[in-house]
Each structure stands twice: as structure tokens, then as C-alpha cells.
Amino acid sequence: MARRPLPRILSTGSAQIARSRELARAQLTRSRELARTASDSASDVLHPLITITRGLRRLASAGRRRWAETPKDKRGPLLFLVASVILVVALVPYGPLLAVITLMAAAAWQGRDRAPATPEGPDESQTERLRSLYEALVPYFSAADDPAPLYTHGGEWEKAFPEYEFDGTSRISSLLVRYPAYFTDGEAPARARIEHLLTAKSGRGREYHFAWDEEGNELAVSVLAPLPTDIAAQRFVTTPGETVLGFTDPTLVQRTLPLAHGAQRRDVPPVVWRTGIRSTEPHLLALGQPGSGTSTLLRSIALQALQYGDVVIVEGGGTGEYACLTGRDGVLAVECGLAGALASVEWAATETERRLIAVNRARQAGNPPPEDTKRPLWILLDRPTAFSHLAAADNRKDPQALLQVPLRHGRSANVTVVVAEQWDALDALSDAVRQHTRARVVLGPATAEQLRTALGAPPHTTPVADVPPGRGYARLGTGPVHRLQVPATPDPYDDATSDAHRQAVLELLPERTTPVEAETLGRREKADQEPEPVPAEAVVAEAVAAETA
């Protein structure tokens, strides 16, 4: 059976509809162009009137400010002077006309557009810098099989760099880089090569932040402003269990702290470390070179911890960095010798076991934990590997071996361990310290490989070689890597300390409750006595069994 042809109205209807749509779209475009042209013409014609009106408004505002600044006792003579000038102008031939002309000229001068004309596009030197950067990226972002390559030698850099900004020295301050989809942006070595190249070509000596958009195949490069180094130690607005390690950029932190900076106050984003029973990173490890600020970080932590808890300090360097805390309220011990360090760490392990047993017994009885187990206990160790060598030479136990109980069970017992060590002694740290210190801080200059080893992830910024003391990176557990600047907390007994920073630290120190001589004599007597053996494994096993029951 032959098919009958469709009616003409049905076969040509779709074409007519499409044609009508095109006509409507063309009319809309033409009307928009006419409206834009009319508005541009009106603005050109009315530009003098707009300028004069703006100038009159500015002159009126200046007159009101002048009248408000004039004292009340001088406003009468000022009014008389203005009235006299108006009368003279009115009586002079052609005076009103000349006054109007002068007023219009002054309004036109005041209403002119004072904004400097910004040049469109980069200048010659900036264009040459962008072209050089484009040529340097060609070997990394091009492939021989690409039919329409975005990066070719002598190609158009405008398509690869759609957004860019320069600073006052004609160096790149912000750049958006587009790259082909076949680039392996999910591999760390490939990213590192691109970041190193962009850092070298954009200008060394600055810190760059790299934001990779893998979905859109774009890389946003921005220059980070230096972190403030003039923030002194002070009482931070935090809750119990929160410790401010330092300050960072506002990109990854949604919280700010009000800080006192001289007579002013400002809000700065902090890096807050949460400790206690519900903490996921109960212990911290700080690494750095000599003079990088690890002792400053420990002093800052100690001053904050003394607000709500007790502190035991073990210093392996023997430089007396913590002498200002000796005998203070809440400071249980400040040890610099091997005998005192062993006694203090052993007591901390025994105290951790006692707290575990007390908490377990209270839970079994259905009672809240005892009050003596709720007060936080902080164990701060600065360079503990120095005691390891001394203990091996004297055939004594390594103090790091005694840290296993506080590190493993410290969170349940409200005990926090903070260890600061130098890079050259990193291999001498025990496995317990490495495994249980999930909060990490790296201060001072460090290579990308050192940062990756210590923090577990590379930072999103480029490390620089010359950094101020207390400057580095921090990572809490599996969180992001933050830039960090530790608040200035120097030794107040150091002659090189400024008066402002010395006074800030002295104001935060607790009252001295134990004379220094009596405390030193008591530590010597305690070190001379033979400590009683404590069955650590049996007590911990009993505590764990009781908790399981």
C-alpha cells in the first residue's frame, strides 16, 4: 500500500516555526543594540551635565564639612563674611553671571573622573613574562597525538591564561592556568613539576598557593601574603581542651580569634589543636632545626595548658629554656638531668595507670570519674633523644620507653604528650612516639620530601628557604596542611628578648608557689632514692580487663 504524502501545512510548519524564532531573536538582538547605542549616546550628550552635578554635590559636601568643623563662636562672623561677598557680587556689573560661570567651572573641575586610566591588558614586560611562562609549559602540557593542542611553541598564550594579575614590580601575583584533560593531574610528581616550574618562572622568594581543579582542568596560582610575626603571647579566647598552636591563612580556617596588638585589636585565623578524652589527635610531635622555634612552641603550649591543668617539662638540650616556669603553680617539675627526667617520666606513666584504674572503677560502680582524673596532665619533652644517648652510656632505661603508657592510654586518662625534636635526631625517636603523635608541626626551613615524611601529605604552598623563627606548617591527623606562625613566646630571662615580648610572657606566668632552692633540693633527694618497681604491664592489663568487663 503506497504512503500518502503529508499535508503541506504539517511538512512546512516546523520550518516556519524555526524561521519565526530566528526573526524574533534577530529583532531582540537589534533592539538591544539600539538600546545600548541610545544609552551610550545619551551618556555622551549628558556627560557635561553629569560632571557638573557631581561637582556641585562634592562642593556641597565640602561646605557642610567646613560648617561642621567651624566652632560655634566663629559661625556668626563667617555668615557675615559670606553675606558681604554675596552682596558685593550682586552689586558689581555682570557679577551674578561671573559668579555662575565660576561656580560651574569649579563644579566641573571637582566633578571630573579622578580615577587613573587603567591600561587594557598587560604591558610589554608583562606580556613577555606570560609568553615565557607559556613556552616553558609547552613540554609538560602538550602531546604529539593532540589534533588541536592548547600548548604549542609560538602559540596563543591568551587561551591558556584567561586570568592574570601583576603586582607593583610587574611580577605575577595571581594566575589561572588551563591545561589539557590528558595531563596527569592526579599524580603527585606531575603536580610537583608544574608547581616548581611556576614558582621558578613567577619569582622566587615568595610563597605560592596552588588550587588544582581536576574537573575543570584548571590551576589557580596565587601569591600568599606573609603571616604576621608580631603577635605576642597572650590569653586566647578558647575553651578548656583547645590549644592555639599558631596562626594561619583564612582560606582553610572558618574561625578567627580577637587578638590584642598593642592598643589595637584584630581578628586572626588560628590553628586550634583539641585535646582531651574526645580528641582524635591527643599527642603532638614538633620537628625543626636549631633556632626554628620548637622551644617557643612548647613554651606557648605550656602557658596555655597551665590555665586548666598541670605540666611536667623535660628538657634534653640543657639550655635552661624553661627556667621561668620553675616553681610556678601547676608546674610539677622542670627537669634537665637524666635522673630527674627518668623519675618524672616514670611518675607520669604511673599516674596514667592510676587514672585509668580510678576511671574504670568509677564506671563499673556507675559513678562519674573522680575529680583528680579530670584535671589535664601535660608532659612536654624537648629533645628527648639526648637522654637516650646518656641512658645507653650509663646503662639506664631510655626515657622514651617509659612514654609508651602515656602515649597509648593518655587520651582515656586525660594525659597529653608533646615532643619536640630536631631533624638530625628524627631516626632516634621511638616507634611509640612516631605512631601515637598524629598531630604534627614542622618549623623552620624544610624540603618538600621532609614535609611529606613528617606531615604525611605535601602542603599546597611552596616552602621557602628563608623563614622567620616560629614559621612552618601544621597538620592535625588527616586534616589539611596549614601554614603556621607560632606566637612570639621567648624566654623572658634571655637578654636578646625585647621588653614587650618579655613583659607579655611574664604576665602569663602563674604565681610562684615553691621556692626554687627547695624544689631543686627535693628533686635531688627524689633522684637519690631508689624508685620502687611498678608492675606496669599488670596494671595496664588489669585496667583494660576491667574496662572490658
Protein backbone atom coordinates (compact mmCIF):
# COMPACT_ATOMS: atom_id res chain seq x y z
CA MET A 1 0.00 0.00 0.00
CA ALA A 2 1.54 3.35 -1.06
CA ARG A 3 2.07 6.04 1.56
CA ARG A 4 0.12 9.20 1.16
CA PRO A 5 2.17 12.43 1.37
CA LEU A 6 1.71 14.59 4.44
CA PRO A 7 -0.27 17.74 4.18
CA ARG A 8 1.73 20.84 3.25
CA ILE A 9 0.86 22.60 6.49
CA LEU A 10 2.43 19.77 8.53
CA SER A 11 5.59 19.49 6.44
CA THR A 12 6.33 23.22 6.45
CA GLY A 13 5.12 24.03 9.95
CA SER A 14 8.40 23.26 11.72
CA ALA A 15 10.37 25.35 9.22
CA GLN A 16 8.03 28.29 9.72
CA ILE A 17 8.33 28.00 13.47
CA ALA A 18 12.14 27.90 13.27
CA ARG A 19 12.12 30.90 10.89
CA SER A 20 9.85 32.88 13.22
CA ARG A 21 12.13 32.11 16.14
CA GLU A 22 15.18 33.32 14.23
CA LEU A 23 13.35 36.51 13.27
CA ALA A 24 12.31 37.11 16.89
CA ARG A 25 15.87 36.50 18.08
CA ALA A 26 17.26 38.88 15.45
CA GLN A 27 14.73 41.56 16.42
CA LEU A 28 15.63 41.15 20.11
CA THR A 29 19.33 41.45 19.33
CA ARG A 30 18.69 44.53 17.15
CA SER A 31 16.57 46.15 19.87
CA ARG A 32 19.30 45.52 22.45
CA GLU A 33 21.89 47.08 20.17
CA LEU A 34 19.66 50.09 19.61
CA ALA A 35 19.07 50.48 23.35
CA ARG A 36 22.81 50.21 24.04
CA THR A 37 23.60 52.73 21.33
CA ALA A 38 20.94 55.11 22.66
CA SER A 39 22.28 54.84 26.19
CA ASP A 40 25.84 55.47 25.01
CA SER A 41 24.71 58.48 23.00
CA ALA A 42 22.71 59.84 25.93
CA SER A 43 25.67 59.40 28.27
CA ASP A 44 27.93 61.22 25.80
CA VAL A 45 25.46 64.09 25.43
CA LEU A 46 24.70 64.36 29.14
CA HIS A 47 28.31 63.81 30.27
CA PRO A 48 28.94 67.56 30.96
CA LEU A 49 25.73 67.81 32.95
CA ILE A 50 26.60 64.67 34.93
CA THR A 51 30.08 66.03 35.66
CA ILE A 52 28.75 69.40 36.84
CA THR A 53 26.10 67.74 39.02
CA ARG A 54 28.72 65.51 40.62
CA GLY A 55 30.94 68.54 41.23
CA LEU A 56 28.10 70.51 42.84
CA ARG A 57 27.41 67.59 45.13
CA ARG A 58 31.07 67.42 46.15
CA LEU A 59 31.21 71.18 46.74
CA ALA A 60 28.09 71.00 48.89
CA SER A 61 29.56 68.16 50.93
CA ALA A 62 32.79 70.13 51.41
CA GLY A 63 30.76 73.13 52.55
CA ARG A 64 28.83 71.06 55.08
CA ARG A 65 32.04 69.60 56.46
CA ARG A 66 33.56 73.06 56.72
CA TRP A 67 30.49 74.34 58.55
CA ALA A 68 30.52 71.37 60.96
CA GLU A 69 34.24 71.88 61.71
CA THR A 70 33.80 75.59 62.40
CA PRO A 71 33.43 76.39 66.14
CA LYS A 72 30.10 77.80 67.21
CA ASP A 73 31.61 81.09 68.35
CA LYS A 74 33.03 81.71 64.86
CA ARG A 75 29.95 80.81 62.83
CA GLY A 76 28.41 84.32 63.14
CA PRO A 77 31.40 86.17 61.63
CA LEU A 78 31.60 83.51 58.91
CA LEU A 79 27.96 84.07 57.96
CA PHE A 80 28.53 87.85 57.90
CA LEU A 81 31.54 87.39 55.60
CA VAL A 82 29.59 85.17 53.20
CA ALA A 83 26.64 87.61 53.12
CA SER A 84 29.03 90.51 52.39
CA VAL A 85 30.61 88.63 49.47
CA ILE A 86 27.17 87.81 48.04
CA LEU A 87 26.11 91.47 48.33
CA VAL A 88 29.26 92.73 46.60
CA VAL A 89 28.83 90.21 43.78
CA ALA A 90 25.20 91.22 43.32
CA LEU A 91 26.10 94.95 43.08
CA VAL A 92 29.03 94.55 40.69
CA PRO A 93 28.09 94.76 36.98
CA TYR A 94 27.83 91.28 35.48
CA GLY A 95 28.59 89.95 38.94
CA PRO A 96 25.90 87.23 39.13
CA LEU A 97 26.81 85.97 35.64
CA LEU A 98 30.52 85.78 36.52
CA ALA A 99 29.64 84.05 39.82
CA VAL A 100 27.55 81.42 38.00
CA ILE A 101 30.32 80.84 35.44
CA THR A 102 32.91 80.48 38.22
CA LEU A 103 30.67 78.10 40.14
CA MET A 104 30.08 75.93 37.06
CA ALA A 105 33.81 75.85 36.31
CA ALA A 106 34.61 74.84 39.90
CA ALA A 107 31.89 72.16 39.81
CA ALA A 108 33.22 70.81 36.51
CA TRP A 109 36.75 70.65 37.97
CA GLN A 110 35.56 68.92 41.13
CA GLY A 111 33.28 66.52 39.28
CA ARG A 112 35.89 65.20 36.84
CA ASP A 113 36.73 61.50 36.89
CA ARG A 114 39.83 61.31 39.10
CA ALA A 115 40.43 57.58 38.70
CA PRO A 116 43.58 56.95 36.67
CA ALA A 117 43.01 55.30 33.37
CA THR A 118 43.87 51.64 33.69
CA PRO A 119 45.61 50.23 30.65
CA GLU A 120 43.76 47.42 28.95
CA GLY A 121 45.81 44.23 29.03
CA PRO A 122 49.37 43.72 30.19
CA ASP A 123 52.25 45.93 29.14
CA GLU A 124 55.22 44.78 27.12
CA SER A 125 57.25 43.37 30.02
CA GLN A 126 54.23 41.57 31.48
CA THR A 127 53.35 40.12 28.08
CA GLU A 128 56.90 38.86 27.69
CA ARG A 129 56.74 37.23 31.13
CA LEU A 130 53.46 35.47 30.29
CA ARG A 131 54.78 34.34 26.91
CA SER A 132 57.94 32.95 28.54
CA LEU A 133 55.85 31.07 31.10
CA TYR A 134 53.66 29.69 28.32
CA GLU A 135 56.67 28.45 26.36
CA ALA A 136 58.09 26.80 29.49
CA LEU A 137 54.85 24.84 30.00
CA VAL A 138 54.70 23.51 26.44
CA PRO A 139 56.80 20.33 27.08
CA TYR A 140 54.54 19.41 30.05
CA PHE A 141 51.11 20.22 28.60
CA SER A 142 51.50 19.02 25.01
CA ALA A 143 51.33 15.68 23.24
CA ALA A 144 52.27 14.63 19.72
CA ASP A 145 48.87 12.99 19.08
CA ASP A 146 46.82 16.02 20.12
CA PRO A 147 44.92 17.25 17.00
CA ALA A 148 44.25 20.72 18.50
CA PRO A 149 46.95 21.35 21.10
CA LEU A 150 46.44 24.15 23.59
CA TYR A 151 50.18 24.47 24.17
CA THR A 152 52.46 24.75 21.15
CA HIS A 153 55.69 26.65 20.58
CA GLY A 154 54.72 30.09 19.37
CA GLY A 155 51.06 29.51 20.23
CA GLU A 156 48.48 31.85 21.77
CA TRP A 157 49.09 32.24 25.47
CA GLU A 158 45.82 34.17 25.91
CA LYS A 159 43.81 30.94 25.67
CA ALA A 160 45.98 29.18 28.28
CA PHE A 161 45.98 32.11 30.77
CA PRO A 162 42.47 33.60 30.81
CA GLU A 163 43.00 35.44 34.12
CA TYR A 164 46.15 37.05 35.48
CA GLU A 165 47.22 39.84 37.83
CA PHE A 166 50.53 41.58 38.47
CA ASP A 167 51.93 43.41 41.49
CA GLY A 168 53.77 46.72 41.56
CA THR A 169 57.03 45.08 40.45
CA SER A 170 55.41 43.52 37.33
CA ARG A 171 55.63 40.06 38.85
CA ILE A 172 52.72 37.64 38.68
CA SER A 173 50.51 37.78 41.78
CA SER A 174 47.58 35.69 40.51
CA LEU A 175 47.24 33.38 37.53
CA LEU A 176 44.68 30.92 36.17
CA VAL A 177 46.23 28.18 34.05
CA ARG A 178 44.21 25.95 31.75
CA TYR A 179 45.72 22.61 30.82
CA PRO A 180 44.60 19.69 28.59
CA ALA A 181 42.49 16.91 30.02
CA TYR A 182 45.09 14.22 29.36
CA PHE A 183 47.57 15.80 31.81
CA THR A 184 48.10 13.50 34.82
CA ASP A 185 46.98 15.99 37.46
CA GLY A 186 46.15 13.17 39.87
CA GLU A 187 49.81 12.18 40.26
CA ALA A 188 51.89 13.99 42.86
CA PRO A 189 55.17 14.01 40.86
CA ALA A 190 53.45 15.61 37.86
CA ARG A 191 51.91 18.28 40.05
CA ALA A 192 55.22 18.92 41.78
CA ARG A 193 56.98 19.53 38.46
CA ILE A 194 54.40 22.09 37.38
CA GLU A 195 54.43 23.84 40.76
CA HIS A 196 58.22 24.03 40.77
CA LEU A 197 58.25 25.47 37.25
CA LEU A 198 55.61 28.10 38.04
CA THR A 199 57.48 29.11 41.19
CA ALA A 200 60.75 29.50 39.32
CA LYS A 201 59.24 31.48 36.43
CA SER A 202 56.93 33.67 38.51
CA GLY A 203 59.59 34.78 41.01
CA ARG A 204 61.39 33.04 43.84
CA GLY A 205 61.35 34.13 47.46
CA ARG A 206 57.55 34.14 47.70
CA GLU A 207 55.02 31.54 48.82
CA TYR A 208 52.51 30.40 46.20
CA HIS A 209 49.22 28.63 46.78
CA PHE A 210 48.15 26.08 44.17
CA ALA A 211 44.49 25.08 43.81
CA TRP A 212 44.01 22.23 41.32
CA ASP A 213 40.55 21.91 39.76
CA GLU A 214 40.66 18.42 38.28
CA GLU A 215 37.11 18.63 36.94
CA GLY A 216 37.62 21.86 35.05
CA ASN A 217 41.28 21.21 34.13
CA GLU A 218 42.36 24.49 35.68
CA LEU A 219 45.09 25.51 38.12
CA ALA A 220 44.73 28.68 40.19
CA VAL A 221 48.03 30.15 41.36
CA SER A 222 48.11 32.96 43.92
CA VAL A 223 50.82 34.62 45.97
CA LEU A 224 50.27 34.36 49.72
CA ALA A 225 50.82 37.31 51.98
CA PRO A 226 53.39 36.74 54.76
CA LEU A 227 51.92 35.63 58.07
CA PRO A 228 52.12 38.14 60.95
CA THR A 229 55.20 37.65 63.11
CA ASP A 230 54.50 40.42 65.62
CA ILE A 231 51.75 38.64 67.60
CA ALA A 232 52.93 38.20 71.17
CA ALA A 233 51.83 35.56 73.66
CA GLN A 234 48.51 36.38 75.33
CA ARG A 235 45.33 34.85 76.69
CA PHE A 236 43.42 33.46 73.76
CA VAL A 237 39.63 33.18 73.69
CA THR A 238 39.39 29.38 73.79
CA THR A 239 37.55 26.73 75.77
CA PRO A 240 39.17 24.07 78.01
CA GLY A 241 40.75 21.44 75.80
CA GLU A 242 41.66 23.89 72.99
CA THR A 243 45.25 24.95 72.39
CA VAL A 244 46.28 27.58 69.86
CA LEU A 245 49.36 26.36 68.02
CA GLY A 246 49.66 29.50 65.93
CA PHE A 247 48.03 31.46 63.16
CA THR A 248 47.43 30.68 59.51
CA ASP A 249 45.68 31.85 56.35
CA PRO A 250 41.89 32.38 56.26
CA THR A 251 41.47 30.05 53.26
CA LEU A 252 41.04 26.76 55.15
CA VAL A 253 40.01 28.09 58.59
CA GLN A 254 36.48 29.33 59.29
CA ARG A 255 37.24 30.73 62.73
CA THR A 256 39.03 33.84 63.95
CA LEU A 257 40.30 34.92 67.35
CA PRO A 258 40.28 38.51 68.65
CA LEU A 259 43.86 39.42 69.49
CA ALA A 260 45.40 42.42 71.21
CA HIS A 261 48.09 44.06 69.10
CA GLY A 262 49.35 47.00 71.10
CA ALA A 263 46.45 49.40 71.53
CA GLN A 264 44.52 47.82 68.66
CA ARG A 265 42.56 44.60 68.31
CA ARG A 266 42.28 42.45 65.23
CA ASP A 267 40.86 39.06 64.23
CA VAL A 268 43.33 36.41 63.05
CA PRO A 269 42.53 32.82 61.90
CA PRO A 270 44.16 30.32 64.31
CA VAL A 271 45.25 26.69 64.15
CA VAL A 272 43.45 25.15 67.14
CA TRP A 273 44.51 21.77 68.50
CA ARG A 274 41.84 19.99 70.54
CA THR A 275 42.96 17.61 73.27
CA GLY A 276 41.21 15.57 75.95
CA ILE A 277 39.03 12.48 76.08
CA ARG A 278 37.23 13.15 72.77
CA SER A 279 40.32 14.23 70.85
CA THR A 280 41.27 12.34 67.71
CA GLU A 281 44.88 13.59 67.88
CA PRO A 282 45.76 13.51 71.60
CA HIS A 283 49.55 13.89 71.24
CA LEU A 284 51.81 16.18 69.18
CA LEU A 285 55.26 15.99 67.59
CA ALA A 286 57.15 19.15 66.56
CA LEU A 287 60.20 18.99 64.30
CA GLY A 288 62.65 21.66 63.21
CA GLN A 289 66.21 22.83 63.01
CA PRO A 290 68.04 24.62 65.85
CA GLY A 291 66.60 28.11 66.18
CA SER A 292 63.44 27.31 64.24
CA GLY A 293 61.11 27.92 67.21
CA THR A 294 60.26 24.47 68.62
CA SER A 295 61.10 25.62 72.17
CA THR A 296 58.94 28.69 71.60
CA LEU A 297 56.06 26.43 70.61
CA LEU A 298 56.47 24.33 73.77
CA ARG A 299 56.53 27.45 75.97
CA SER A 300 53.37 28.72 74.29
CA ILE A 301 51.65 25.36 74.85
CA ALA A 302 52.80 25.26 78.48
CA LEU A 303 51.43 28.74 79.24
CA GLN A 304 48.06 27.78 77.77
CA ALA A 305 47.98 24.38 79.49
CA LEU A 306 48.63 25.93 82.93
CA GLN A 307 45.22 27.62 82.79
CA TYR A 308 43.39 24.34 83.34
CA GLY A 309 45.97 21.62 84.09
CA ASP A 310 49.39 20.54 85.37
CA VAL A 311 52.62 20.44 83.39
CA VAL A 312 55.77 18.30 83.56
CA ILE A 313 58.68 19.60 81.48
CA VAL A 314 61.71 17.51 80.49
CA GLU A 315 64.44 19.40 78.66
CA GLY A 316 67.15 17.42 76.92
CA GLY A 317 69.05 20.38 75.46
CA GLY A 318 70.23 21.63 78.85
CA THR A 319 70.00 25.29 77.80
CA GLY A 320 67.56 26.40 80.53
CA GLU A 321 64.83 27.45 78.10
CA TYR A 322 62.11 26.73 80.69
CA ALA A 323 63.70 28.15 83.84
CA CYS A 324 60.95 30.77 84.04
CA LEU A 325 58.43 28.00 84.79
CA THR A 326 60.33 26.51 87.74
CA GLY A 327 58.34 26.61 90.96
CA ARG A 328 55.21 28.02 89.34
CA ASP A 329 51.70 26.96 90.29
CA GLY A 330 50.76 23.91 88.21
CA VAL A 331 54.32 23.13 87.09
CA LEU A 332 55.08 19.78 88.73
CA ALA A 333 58.69 19.52 87.52
CA VAL A 334 61.23 21.10 85.19
CA GLU A 335 63.99 18.52 84.67
CA CYS A 336 67.23 18.96 82.75
CA GLY A 337 69.18 15.91 84.01
CA LEU A 338 68.92 12.23 83.24
CA ALA A 339 67.97 11.16 86.78
CA GLY A 340 65.24 13.78 87.09
CA ALA A 341 63.93 13.04 83.58
CA LEU A 342 63.65 9.32 84.33
CA ALA A 343 61.90 9.98 87.63
CA SER A 344 59.44 12.45 86.07
CA VAL A 345 58.54 10.27 83.08
CA GLU A 346 58.19 7.21 85.30
CA TRP A 347 55.88 9.12 87.62
CA ALA A 348 53.83 10.24 84.61
CA ALA A 349 53.45 6.62 83.47
CA THR A 350 52.39 5.56 86.99
CA GLU A 351 49.94 8.48 87.20
CA THR A 352 48.44 7.48 83.85
CA GLU A 353 47.89 3.94 85.14
CA ARG A 354 46.36 5.23 88.38
CA ARG A 355 43.93 7.41 86.48
CA LEU A 356 42.93 4.51 84.24
CA ILE A 357 42.17 2.29 87.23
CA ALA A 358 40.23 5.04 89.03
CA VAL A 359 38.15 5.82 85.95
CA ASN A 360 37.37 2.14 85.31
CA ARG A 361 36.31 1.55 88.90
CA ALA A 362 34.05 4.60 88.80
CA ARG A 363 32.44 3.41 85.57
CA GLN A 364 31.85 -0.06 86.97
CA ALA A 365 30.17 1.46 90.01
CA GLY A 366 28.06 3.76 87.83
CA ASN A 367 29.70 6.91 89.22
CA PRO A 368 31.27 9.84 87.41
CA PRO A 369 35.07 9.89 87.11
CA PRO A 370 36.93 11.22 90.17
CA GLU A 371 37.86 14.87 90.18
CA ASP A 372 41.61 14.15 90.33
CA THR A 373 41.37 12.37 86.97
CA LYS A 374 39.63 15.24 85.21
CA ARG A 375 42.45 17.76 85.57
CA PRO A 376 44.60 17.57 82.42
CA LEU A 377 48.22 16.46 82.76
CA TRP A 378 50.71 17.67 80.14
CA ILE A 379 54.11 16.04 79.55
CA LEU A 380 56.35 18.29 77.48
CA LEU A 381 59.64 16.84 76.25
CA ASP A 382 62.19 18.97 74.42
CA ARG A 383 64.83 16.84 72.62
CA PRO A 384 64.27 13.55 74.50
CA THR A 385 66.76 11.73 72.26
CA ALA A 386 69.59 13.45 74.13
CA PHE A 387 68.65 11.40 77.21
CA SER A 388 68.61 8.24 75.10
CA HIS A 389 72.34 8.53 74.45
CA LEU A 390 73.06 9.35 78.09
CA ALA A 391 70.93 6.43 79.31
CA ALA A 392 72.68 4.00 76.95
CA ALA A 393 76.09 5.19 78.14
CA ASP A 394 75.06 4.86 81.82
CA ASN A 395 73.24 1.53 81.38
CA ARG A 396 69.90 3.05 82.34
CA LYS A 397 66.46 2.82 80.85
CA ASP A 398 65.58 5.08 77.95
CA PRO A 399 63.00 7.73 78.98
CA GLN A 400 61.23 7.19 75.66
CA ALA A 401 60.47 3.60 76.69
CA LEU A 402 58.51 4.95 79.66
CA LEU A 403 56.36 7.10 77.36
CA GLN A 404 54.57 4.11 75.90
CA VAL A 405 51.86 4.04 78.59
CA PRO A 406 51.05 7.82 78.47
CA LEU A 407 51.07 7.74 74.68
CA ARG A 408 48.85 4.67 74.33
CA HIS A 409 46.39 5.36 77.16
CA GLY A 410 46.81 9.11 77.62
CA ARG A 411 43.57 10.09 75.95
CA SER A 412 41.44 7.99 78.33
CA ALA A 413 43.40 9.31 81.33
CA ASN A 414 43.38 12.96 80.16
CA VAL A 415 47.17 12.93 79.70
CA THR A 416 48.75 14.75 76.74
CA VAL A 417 52.31 14.26 75.47
CA VAL A 418 54.13 16.88 73.38
CA VAL A 419 57.55 16.04 71.93
CA ALA A 420 59.88 18.49 70.18
CA GLU A 421 62.90 17.15 68.32
CA GLN A 422 65.41 18.22 65.68
CA TRP A 423 65.73 16.81 62.19
CA ASP A 424 69.11 15.20 62.78
CA ALA A 425 67.71 13.06 65.63
CA LEU A 426 64.46 12.05 63.91
CA ASP A 427 65.64 8.46 63.46
CA ALA A 428 66.35 8.17 67.19
CA LEU A 429 62.70 8.65 68.15
CA SER A 430 60.99 5.50 69.38
CA ASP A 431 58.23 3.76 67.46
CA ALA A 432 55.68 4.66 70.13
CA VAL A 433 56.39 8.37 69.68
CA ARG A 434 56.09 8.08 65.89
CA GLN A 435 52.87 6.08 65.94
CA HIS A 436 50.88 7.95 68.60
CA THR A 437 51.76 11.58 67.73
CA ARG A 438 49.21 12.18 65.00
CA ALA A 439 49.31 15.97 65.33
CA ARG A 440 52.45 17.22 63.59
CA VAL A 441 54.20 20.58 63.37
CA VAL A 442 57.24 21.37 61.23
CA LEU A 443 59.03 24.67 61.87
CA GLY A 444 61.86 26.32 60.01
CA PRO A 445 63.18 25.62 56.52
CA ALA A 446 62.46 22.12 55.20
CA THR A 447 62.45 20.39 51.86
CA ALA A 448 59.34 19.04 50.18
CA GLU A 449 60.41 15.47 50.98
CA GLN A 450 60.90 16.28 54.67
CA LEU A 451 57.47 17.89 54.83
CA ARG A 452 55.86 14.90 53.16
CA THR A 453 57.63 12.49 55.55
CA ALA A 454 56.75 14.42 58.69
CA LEU A 455 53.23 15.58 57.86
CA GLY A 456 52.12 12.64 55.75
CA ALA A 457 50.96 14.93 52.91
CA PRO A 458 52.57 17.73 50.90
CA PRO A 459 51.48 21.31 51.57
CA HIS A 460 49.55 23.25 48.97
CA THR A 461 52.15 26.01 49.12
CA THR A 462 55.79 26.21 48.11
CA PRO A 463 58.24 26.21 51.05
CA VAL A 464 60.86 28.95 51.04
CA ALA A 465 64.42 28.76 52.30
CA ASP A 466 64.44 31.91 54.46
CA VAL A 467 61.69 31.92 57.08
CA PRO A 468 61.38 33.73 60.46
CA PRO A 469 61.50 31.77 63.75
CA GLY A 470 58.25 30.00 64.54
CA ARG A 471 57.23 29.77 60.90
CA GLY A 472 56.26 26.40 59.40
CA TYR A 473 53.41 24.01 58.72
CA ALA A 474 50.93 22.07 60.86
CA ARG A 475 48.67 19.12 60.22
CA LEU A 476 46.23 17.63 62.73
CA GLY A 477 45.67 13.98 61.95
CA THR A 478 44.32 13.55 58.44
CA GLY A 479 43.26 17.17 58.06
CA PRO A 480 44.68 19.72 55.63
CA VAL A 481 48.18 21.13 55.90
CA HIS A 482 48.14 24.69 57.26
CA ARG A 483 50.75 27.37 57.16
CA LEU A 484 51.67 28.21 60.74
CA GLN A 485 53.21 31.10 62.62
CA VAL A 486 53.76 30.45 66.34
CA PRO A 487 53.04 33.44 68.62
CA ALA A 488 56.17 35.07 69.96
CA THR A 489 56.80 33.35 73.32
CA PRO A 490 60.53 33.83 74.03
CA ASP A 491 62.45 33.04 77.20
CA PRO A 492 61.90 36.10 79.42
CA TYR A 493 65.31 35.56 81.03
CA ASP A 494 67.10 35.87 77.68
CA ASP A 495 68.91 39.18 77.19
CA ALA A 496 68.10 39.21 73.47
CA THR A 497 64.35 39.29 74.18
CA SER A 498 62.55 42.56 73.58
CA ASP A 499 60.88 44.29 76.51
CA ALA A 500 57.39 43.97 75.03
CA HIS A 501 57.65 40.20 74.48
CA ARG A 502 59.34 39.68 77.85
CA GLN A 503 56.56 41.53 79.65
CA ALA A 504 53.89 39.59 77.72
CA VAL A 505 55.35 36.24 78.84
CA LEU A 506 55.84 37.37 82.46
CA GLU A 507 52.20 38.43 82.67
CA LEU A 508 51.09 34.93 81.66
CA LEU A 509 53.26 33.08 84.19
CA PRO A 510 51.39 31.68 87.23
CA GLU A 511 52.32 32.67 90.74
CA ARG A 512 55.45 31.11 92.18
CA THR A 513 54.36 28.71 94.94
CA THR A 514 57.56 26.73 95.59
CA PRO A 515 60.95 28.36 96.16
CA VAL A 516 63.49 27.38 93.55
CA GLU A 517 66.04 26.20 96.12
CA ALA A 518 63.59 23.95 97.96
CA GLU A 519 62.29 22.44 94.73
CA THR A 520 65.82 21.71 93.49
CA LEU A 521 66.74 20.07 96.81
CA GLY A 522 63.57 17.97 96.72
CA ARG A 523 64.32 16.77 93.20
CA ARG A 524 67.84 15.80 94.21
CA GLU A 525 66.56 13.80 97.18
CA LYS A 526 63.98 12.12 94.97
CA ALA A 527 66.64 11.23 92.40
CA ASP A 528 68.93 9.74 95.07
CA GLN A 529 66.22 7.42 96.31
CA GLU A 530 65.72 4.13 94.51
CA PRO A 531 62.29 4.13 92.86
CA GLU A 532 60.03 1.25 93.73
CA PRO A 533 59.32 -1.13 90.85
CA VAL A 534 55.86 -0.71 89.40
CA PRO A 535 54.27 -3.63 87.53
CA ALA A 536 53.23 -1.51 84.56
CA GLU A 537 52.09 -4.32 82.34
CA ALA A 538 50.00 -5.97 85.06
CA VAL A 539 48.29 -2.71 86.00
CA VAL A 540 47.51 -1.82 82.40
CA ALA A 541 46.21 -5.34 81.80
CA GLU A 542 44.01 -5.06 84.87
CA ALA A 543 42.67 -1.71 83.72
CA VAL A 544 41.91 -2.98 80.25
CA ALA A 545 40.24 -6.11 81.66
CA ALA A 546 38.12 -4.00 83.99
CA GLU A 547 37.09 -1.71 81.15
CA THR A 548 36.18 -4.72 79.01
CA ALA A 549 34.11 -6.19 81.84
